[in-house]
Every structure is written in C-alpha cells, then in structure tokens.
Amino acid sequence: MGGPPGGPVAGAGGRPAEAPRLPRSADRLSDRELAVLSYLPTMLTTAEIAAELYVSVNTVKTHLKSIYRKLDVARRRDAVHRARALHLL
C-alpha cells in the first residue's frame, strides 16, 4: 500500500523512504575496519575483538570510531543495522 509497484515506499509523513546512502569513496571502510565491523554483530567485547585480531583494545576503539563516523551512527547496534542495509555484513 506504500505506492505503485516498483515505486518508492512512503516513509513517515507520506514522504518517500530514503535508501541508505553508500559511503563516498573517501569514506569507504578499510580492510581492518571491515574486519572489526564483522565482529560487531557478535557478543564479543572490544577486548575480545582485539584479542581475535591480535591488536590492542585502543586500536579496536580507533577503528570503531572511524566505522561509526563513516556509517554516520553513534552506537554498535546502529552500525550493524546500517552495515546490513549497505550489504557490508
């Protein structure tokens, strides 16, 4: 009921829902950021992710900040949702 077949689906307020925006080429996730991102849907802590990747906790935190910035989110859960919408996970 959101609109014609193949057309935009109405979002809140009857406006077309926006598709998630892909990060610009300058904002693409690095290989290490993608590696960290792959652990976010798990129940592993930051320290456990660091141990799995053989890096320091501070390195994982740095990657997380960059991931959140590039995906325009503020929390781990939001990063997972956005990454799935962008087919990064």
Protein backbone atom coordinates (compact mmCIF):
# COMPACT_ATOMS: atom_id res chain seq x y z
CA MET A 1 0.00 0.00 0.00
CA GLY A 2 3.04 2.28 0.12
CA GLY A 3 2.87 3.24 -3.54
CA PRO A 4 2.90 1.86 -7.04
CA PRO A 5 4.78 -1.38 -7.63
CA GLY A 6 8.45 -0.63 -8.10
CA GLY A 7 7.96 2.95 -6.89
CA PRO A 8 9.30 4.49 -3.67
CA VAL A 9 7.76 3.30 -0.47
CA ALA A 10 6.25 6.03 1.67
CA GLY A 11 8.11 6.74 4.87
CA ALA A 12 6.94 8.70 7.90
CA GLY A 13 4.73 11.62 6.96
CA GLY A 14 3.98 10.18 3.50
CA ARG A 15 7.43 11.13 2.14
CA PRO A 16 9.36 8.55 0.13
CA ALA A 17 11.64 6.49 2.36
CA GLU A 18 15.32 7.21 1.71
CA ALA A 19 17.54 4.31 0.78
CA PRO A 20 20.68 4.08 2.90
CA ARG A 21 23.43 6.19 1.34
CA LEU A 22 26.62 4.37 0.42
CA PRO A 23 29.74 5.90 1.91
CA ARG A 24 31.66 8.13 -0.53
CA SER A 25 34.87 6.65 -1.87
CA ALA A 26 36.84 8.75 0.64
CA ASP A 27 34.65 7.33 3.41
CA ARG A 28 34.90 3.66 2.43
CA LEU A 29 35.83 1.31 5.22
CA SER A 30 39.39 -0.02 5.23
CA ASP A 31 40.07 -3.75 5.31
CA ARG A 32 40.83 -3.59 9.04
CA GLU A 33 37.66 -1.58 9.71
CA LEU A 34 35.68 -4.22 7.79
CA ALA A 35 37.35 -6.89 9.91
CA VAL A 36 36.29 -5.09 13.11
CA LEU A 37 32.83 -4.49 11.65
CA SER A 38 32.42 -8.23 11.03
CA TYR A 39 32.68 -8.83 14.80
CA LEU A 40 30.09 -6.22 15.78
CA PRO A 41 27.02 -8.49 15.41
CA THR A 42 28.63 -10.95 17.85
CA MET A 43 28.52 -10.74 21.60
CA LEU A 44 32.30 -10.25 21.80
CA THR A 45 33.55 -7.32 23.85
CA THR A 46 36.01 -4.78 22.48
CA ALA A 47 38.81 -6.57 24.37
CA GLU A 48 37.78 -9.93 22.90
CA ILE A 49 37.68 -8.47 19.38
CA ALA A 50 41.17 -7.05 19.97
CA ALA A 51 42.43 -10.47 21.05
CA GLU A 52 40.87 -12.13 17.98
CA LEU A 53 42.57 -9.61 15.66
CA TYR A 54 45.89 -9.56 17.59
CA VAL A 55 45.70 -5.79 18.13
CA SER A 56 45.32 -3.55 21.18
CA VAL A 57 41.99 -2.51 22.63
CA ASN A 58 42.87 1.08 21.72
CA THR A 59 43.34 0.05 18.08
CA VAL A 60 39.88 -1.53 18.02
CA LYS A 61 38.40 1.59 19.64
CA THR A 62 40.05 3.74 16.97
CA HIS A 63 38.61 1.54 14.22
CA LEU A 64 35.18 1.67 15.89
CA LYS A 65 35.21 5.48 15.97
CA SER A 66 36.10 5.55 12.29
CA ILE A 67 33.42 2.98 11.43
CA TYR A 68 30.76 4.94 13.33
CA ARG A 69 31.80 8.18 11.64
CA LYS A 70 31.82 6.67 8.16
CA LEU A 71 28.46 4.96 8.68
CA ASP A 72 27.03 8.07 10.39
CA VAL A 73 25.94 6.23 13.52
CA ALA A 74 26.61 6.57 17.23
CA ARG A 75 26.26 3.02 18.56
CA ARG A 76 27.37 -0.52 17.80
CA ARG A 77 23.81 -1.70 17.19
CA ASP A 78 23.17 1.14 14.73
CA ALA A 79 26.42 0.34 12.92
CA VAL A 80 25.29 -3.28 12.46
CA HIS A 81 21.90 -2.18 11.10
CA ARG A 82 23.46 0.35 8.71
CA ALA A 83 26.14 -2.11 7.56
CA ARG A 84 23.49 -4.73 6.81
CA ALA A 85 21.41 -2.20 4.88
CA LEU A 86 24.52 -1.33 2.85
CA HIS A 87 25.34 -5.03 2.34
CA LEU A 88 28.63 -4.68 4.19
CA LEU A 89 27.62 -7.54 6.52
